[in-house]
């Protein structure tokens, strides 16, 4: 599993957790869980400046 903090500090802000089956974005109580196919679509849309 790869964990990326969104603000540079280890515990003060939401994180992105990526494993083989899903991606979790957010923090306890405010969490978005994406399937890998959904994650790939989101990445593509970001890279193509659609989001």
N, C-alpha and C. Protein backbone atom coordinates (compact mmCIF):
# COMPACT_ATOMS: atom_id res chain seq x y z
N UNK A 1 0.84 -1.18 0.00
CA UNK A 1 0.00 0.00 0.00
C UNK A 1 0.88 1.24 0.00
N UNK A 2 0.51 2.19 -0.80
CA UNK A 2 1.21 3.47 -0.85
C UNK A 2 0.33 4.52 -0.21
N UNK A 3 0.90 5.33 0.69
CA UNK A 3 0.15 6.37 1.38
C UNK A 3 0.80 7.72 1.08
N UNK A 4 -0.01 8.66 0.60
CA UNK A 4 0.47 10.00 0.25
C UNK A 4 -0.30 11.01 1.08
N UNK A 5 0.41 11.84 1.85
CA UNK A 5 -0.26 12.90 2.59
C UNK A 5 -0.42 14.11 1.68
N UNK A 6 -1.52 14.81 1.84
CA UNK A 6 -1.82 15.92 0.94
C UNK A 6 -1.26 17.26 1.39
N UNK A 7 -0.71 17.33 2.60
CA UNK A 7 -0.18 18.62 3.06
C UNK A 7 1.28 18.53 3.50
N UNK A 8 1.87 17.37 3.45
CA UNK A 8 3.27 17.24 3.82
C UNK A 8 3.49 16.79 5.26
N UNK A 9 2.51 17.02 6.13
CA UNK A 9 2.61 16.55 7.50
C UNK A 9 2.02 15.15 7.57
N UNK A 10 2.44 14.38 8.55
CA UNK A 10 1.99 12.99 8.60
C UNK A 10 0.60 12.79 9.18
N UNK A 11 0.07 13.71 9.97
CA UNK A 11 -1.21 13.43 10.60
C UNK A 11 -2.19 14.59 10.57
N UNK A 12 -1.86 15.69 9.93
CA UNK A 12 -2.71 16.87 10.05
C UNK A 12 -3.73 17.02 8.93
N UNK A 13 -3.71 16.18 7.93
CA UNK A 13 -4.60 16.39 6.79
C UNK A 13 -4.96 15.08 6.12
N UNK A 14 -5.87 15.11 5.14
CA UNK A 14 -6.29 13.90 4.44
C UNK A 14 -5.12 13.22 3.73
N UNK A 15 -5.32 11.94 3.46
CA UNK A 15 -4.32 11.16 2.75
C UNK A 15 -4.96 10.43 1.57
N UNK A 16 -4.11 9.96 0.68
CA UNK A 16 -4.51 9.07 -0.41
C UNK A 16 -3.82 7.75 -0.16
N UNK A 17 -4.61 6.68 -0.02
CA UNK A 17 -4.07 5.34 0.19
C UNK A 17 -4.37 4.52 -1.05
N UNK A 18 -3.31 4.00 -1.66
CA UNK A 18 -3.45 3.24 -2.90
C UNK A 18 -2.99 1.81 -2.65
N UNK A 19 -3.87 0.86 -2.91
CA UNK A 19 -3.45 -0.54 -2.88
C UNK A 19 -3.84 -1.19 -4.20
N UNK A 20 -3.75 -2.49 -4.28
CA UNK A 20 -3.98 -3.18 -5.56
C UNK A 20 -5.43 -3.15 -6.01
N UNK A 21 -6.39 -3.01 -5.10
CA UNK A 21 -7.79 -3.11 -5.46
C UNK A 21 -8.57 -1.80 -5.38
N UNK A 22 -8.10 -0.85 -4.56
CA UNK A 22 -8.88 0.36 -4.35
C UNK A 22 -7.98 1.53 -3.96
N UNK A 23 -8.59 2.72 -4.03
CA UNK A 23 -7.91 3.94 -3.60
C UNK A 23 -8.83 4.64 -2.61
N UNK A 24 -8.30 4.99 -1.45
CA UNK A 24 -9.06 5.73 -0.44
C UNK A 24 -8.52 7.15 -0.40
N UNK A 25 -9.42 8.12 -0.45
CA UNK A 25 -9.04 9.53 -0.41
C UNK A 25 -9.80 10.18 0.73
N UNK A 26 -9.09 10.83 1.64
CA UNK A 26 -9.76 11.55 2.71
C UNK A 26 -9.24 11.21 4.07
N UNK A 27 -10.17 11.23 5.02
CA UNK A 27 -9.83 10.98 6.41
C UNK A 27 -11.04 10.36 7.09
N UNK A 28 -10.86 9.88 8.29
CA UNK A 28 -11.95 9.24 9.02
C UNK A 28 -13.16 10.16 9.09
N UNK A 29 -14.31 9.62 8.74
CA UNK A 29 -15.54 10.41 8.73
C UNK A 29 -15.79 11.16 7.43
N UNK A 30 -14.80 11.21 6.57
CA UNK A 30 -14.93 11.91 5.28
C UNK A 30 -14.04 11.19 4.27
N UNK A 31 -14.51 10.03 3.83
CA UNK A 31 -13.67 9.14 3.03
C UNK A 31 -14.35 8.80 1.71
N UNK A 32 -13.59 8.86 0.64
CA UNK A 32 -14.05 8.44 -0.69
C UNK A 32 -13.24 7.20 -1.07
N UNK A 33 -13.93 6.13 -1.46
CA UNK A 33 -13.26 4.90 -1.87
C UNK A 33 -13.56 4.67 -3.35
N UNK A 34 -12.50 4.56 -4.15
CA UNK A 34 -12.62 4.33 -5.59
C UNK A 34 -12.07 2.97 -5.96
N UNK A 35 -12.75 2.29 -6.89
CA UNK A 35 -12.18 1.09 -7.50
C UNK A 35 -11.00 1.54 -8.35
N UNK A 36 -10.11 0.63 -8.69
CA UNK A 36 -8.95 1.01 -9.49
C UNK A 36 -9.37 1.58 -10.84
N UNK A 37 -10.41 1.05 -11.45
CA UNK A 37 -10.86 1.58 -12.75
C UNK A 37 -11.35 3.02 -12.60
N UNK A 38 -12.03 3.33 -11.50
CA UNK A 38 -12.50 4.69 -11.25
C UNK A 38 -11.31 5.62 -11.01
N UNK A 39 -10.32 5.13 -10.27
CA UNK A 39 -9.11 5.91 -10.00
C UNK A 39 -8.39 6.24 -11.30
N UNK A 40 -8.26 5.26 -12.18
CA UNK A 40 -7.58 5.48 -13.46
C UNK A 40 -8.34 6.51 -14.30
N UNK A 41 -9.67 6.46 -14.27
CA UNK A 41 -10.48 7.45 -15.00
C UNK A 41 -10.26 8.84 -14.42
N UNK A 42 -10.26 8.95 -13.10
CA UNK A 42 -10.03 10.24 -12.46
C UNK A 42 -8.65 10.79 -12.81
N UNK A 43 -7.61 9.96 -12.74
CA UNK A 43 -6.26 10.41 -13.11
C UNK A 43 -6.22 10.91 -14.54
N UNK A 44 -6.86 10.17 -15.45
CA UNK A 44 -6.87 10.56 -16.87
C UNK A 44 -7.54 11.92 -17.04
N UNK A 45 -8.68 12.13 -16.39
CA UNK A 45 -9.40 13.39 -16.51
C UNK A 45 -8.58 14.56 -15.94
N UNK A 46 -7.85 14.31 -14.86
CA UNK A 46 -6.99 15.35 -14.29
C UNK A 46 -5.86 15.69 -15.26
N UNK A 47 -5.22 14.67 -15.80
CA UNK A 47 -4.11 14.88 -16.73
C UNK A 47 -4.56 15.59 -18.01
N UNK A 48 -5.80 15.39 -18.41
CA UNK A 48 -6.34 16.03 -19.61
C UNK A 48 -7.05 17.34 -19.30
N UNK A 49 -6.84 17.86 -18.08
CA UNK A 49 -7.41 19.14 -17.62
C UNK A 49 -8.94 19.19 -17.69
N UNK A 50 -9.58 18.05 -17.55
CA UNK A 50 -11.04 18.03 -17.50
C UNK A 50 -11.54 18.30 -16.09
N UNK A 51 -10.70 18.10 -15.11
CA UNK A 51 -11.07 18.31 -13.70
C UNK A 51 -10.17 19.38 -13.14
